[in-house]
Amino acid sequence: MILICFEILGWEFADSQRFIGDKAYIGDDAITTPHKKRKNTEISELQKQENKQLSSRRIAVEHMICRVKIFRVASEKFRLARHRYSQVILAVCGLIRLRLNRLVSLTINI
C-alpha cells in the first residue's frame, strides 16, 4: 500500500515520518521493525515485549490490507489500463470504509 502512495498517487512523506513494518523491512531507517532472533541465540524478554507491542499496533493495518485483498485488486494481476489502478484501489478503499462505518454504527445502536 505504501508503494501505491509513493509511486502511483505521488504522495510524499516528511523525512521524520515513521512507519511500522514486519521483518521484511529490517534495515530501513524510516520503518520500525520487530527484533529478529539471531542464529543460535534467543531474544530477551524485553525484546519479546517490544515485539508484542509492535504487532498489536500493526494488526489493525494488517486486517485492512486483508480486506483490500478480498477485492483481488491488490493481490492479483491488474487487468485494466494502468492509469485506472488508482481509481479502482481508491474505490475499493471507499467501499471498505463504508462497510466499516456501517458495522460501527450497528454496534453503537445495539
Protein backbone atom coordinates (compact mmCIF):
# COMPACT_ATOMS: atom_id res chain seq x y z
CA MET A 1 0.00 0.00 0.00
CA ILE A 2 2.87 2.39 0.74
CA LEU A 3 4.19 1.68 -2.75
CA ILE A 4 0.85 2.86 -4.18
CA CYS A 5 1.04 6.07 -2.17
CA PHE A 6 4.57 6.82 -3.34
CA GLU A 7 4.54 5.79 -6.97
CA ILE A 8 1.01 5.95 -8.31
CA LEU A 9 -0.64 8.65 -6.22
CA GLY A 10 2.51 10.76 -5.97
CA TRP A 11 2.26 11.27 -2.21
CA GLU A 12 5.29 12.47 -0.36
CA PHE A 13 6.06 11.84 3.28
CA ALA A 14 8.16 14.02 5.55
CA ASP A 15 11.63 12.74 6.38
CA SER A 16 10.53 12.50 10.02
CA GLN A 17 7.58 10.21 9.12
CA ARG A 18 7.93 6.76 10.70
CA PHE A 19 6.26 3.52 9.61
CA ILE A 20 5.72 0.16 11.27
CA GLY A 21 6.72 -2.88 9.26
CA ASP A 22 7.38 -6.57 9.58
CA LYS A 23 10.75 -8.32 9.46
CA ALA A 24 10.93 -7.94 5.69
CA TYR A 25 11.75 -4.23 6.17
CA ILE A 26 14.67 -4.64 8.62
CA GLY A 27 17.41 -2.15 7.76
CA ASP A 28 15.21 0.72 6.58
CA ASP A 29 15.63 3.72 8.89
CA ALA A 30 12.08 5.02 8.38
CA ILE A 31 10.43 1.71 9.32
CA THR A 32 10.19 0.35 12.86
CA THR A 33 10.54 -3.42 12.72
CA PRO A 34 10.39 -6.20 15.31
CA HIS A 35 13.52 -7.66 16.85
CA LYS A 36 14.74 -10.69 14.96
CA LYS A 37 16.21 -13.77 16.60
CA ARG A 38 19.77 -14.35 15.50
CA LYS A 39 21.14 -17.79 14.70
CA ASN A 40 21.76 -19.89 17.83
CA THR A 41 20.54 -17.14 20.19
CA GLU A 42 17.27 -16.12 21.78
CA ILE A 43 15.82 -12.62 22.06
CA SER A 44 15.44 -11.12 25.52
CA GLU A 45 12.16 -10.79 27.40
CA LEU A 46 12.23 -7.02 26.84
CA GLN A 47 12.61 -7.57 23.08
CA LYS A 48 9.72 -10.06 23.16
CA GLN A 49 7.53 -7.47 24.91
CA GLU A 50 8.52 -4.80 22.37
CA ASN A 51 7.69 -7.22 19.51
CA LYS A 52 4.30 -7.92 21.08
CA GLN A 53 3.51 -4.20 21.43
CA LEU A 54 4.59 -3.57 17.85
CA SER A 55 2.48 -6.43 16.50
CA SER A 56 -0.57 -5.26 18.45
CA ARG A 57 -0.21 -1.86 16.74
CA ARG A 58 0.24 -3.47 13.30
CA ILE A 59 -2.67 -5.92 13.45
CA ALA A 60 -5.36 -3.36 12.57
CA VAL A 61 -3.44 -2.36 9.44
CA GLU A 62 -2.88 -6.00 8.50
CA HIS A 63 -6.63 -6.60 8.78
CA MET A 64 -7.32 -3.63 6.49
CA ILE A 65 -4.85 -4.98 3.92
CA CYS A 66 -6.69 -8.31 4.10
CA ARG A 67 -9.98 -6.54 3.40
CA VAL A 68 -8.48 -4.83 0.34
CA LYS A 69 -7.11 -8.16 -0.93
CA ILE A 70 -10.62 -9.66 -0.73
CA PHE A 71 -11.44 -7.49 -3.74
CA ARG A 72 -8.40 -9.06 -5.51
CA VAL A 73 -7.25 -5.67 -6.83
CA ALA A 74 -4.09 -5.66 -4.73
CA SER A 75 -3.46 -9.40 -4.70
CA GLU A 76 -3.69 -10.38 -8.37
CA LYS A 77 -2.55 -9.01 -11.70
CA PHE A 78 -4.45 -5.82 -12.52
CA ARG A 79 -6.22 -6.37 -15.83
CA LEU A 80 -7.40 -2.85 -16.64
CA ALA A 81 -5.37 0.01 -18.06
CA ARG A 82 -2.61 1.10 -15.66
CA HIS A 83 -3.94 4.66 -15.35
CA ARG A 84 -7.17 3.23 -13.87
CA TYR A 85 -5.45 1.47 -10.95
CA SER A 86 -5.52 4.43 -8.57
CA GLN A 87 -9.23 5.00 -9.29
CA VAL A 88 -10.06 1.35 -8.67
CA ILE A 89 -7.99 0.99 -5.50
CA LEU A 90 -9.47 4.20 -4.07
CA ALA A 91 -12.97 2.95 -4.90
CA VAL A 92 -12.23 -0.33 -3.11
CA CYS A 93 -10.92 1.58 -0.09
CA GLY A 94 -14.08 3.70 -0.14
CA LEU A 95 -16.26 0.57 -0.16
CA ILE A 96 -14.30 -0.85 2.75
CA ARG A 97 -14.69 2.41 4.66
CA LEU A 98 -18.45 2.40 4.06
CA ARG A 99 -18.65 -1.18 5.31
CA LEU A 100 -16.64 -0.40 8.43
CA ASN A 101 -18.71 2.71 9.17
CA ARG A 102 -21.87 0.62 8.87
CA LEU A 103 -20.50 -2.04 11.20
CA VAL A 104 -19.51 0.60 13.75
CA SER A 105 -22.92 2.30 13.58
CA LEU A 106 -24.68 -1.06 14.03
CA THR A 107 -22.66 -1.87 17.14
CA ILE A 108 -23.35 1.57 18.61
CA ASN A 109 -27.12 1.19 18.09
CA ILE A 110 -27.26 -2.21 19.79
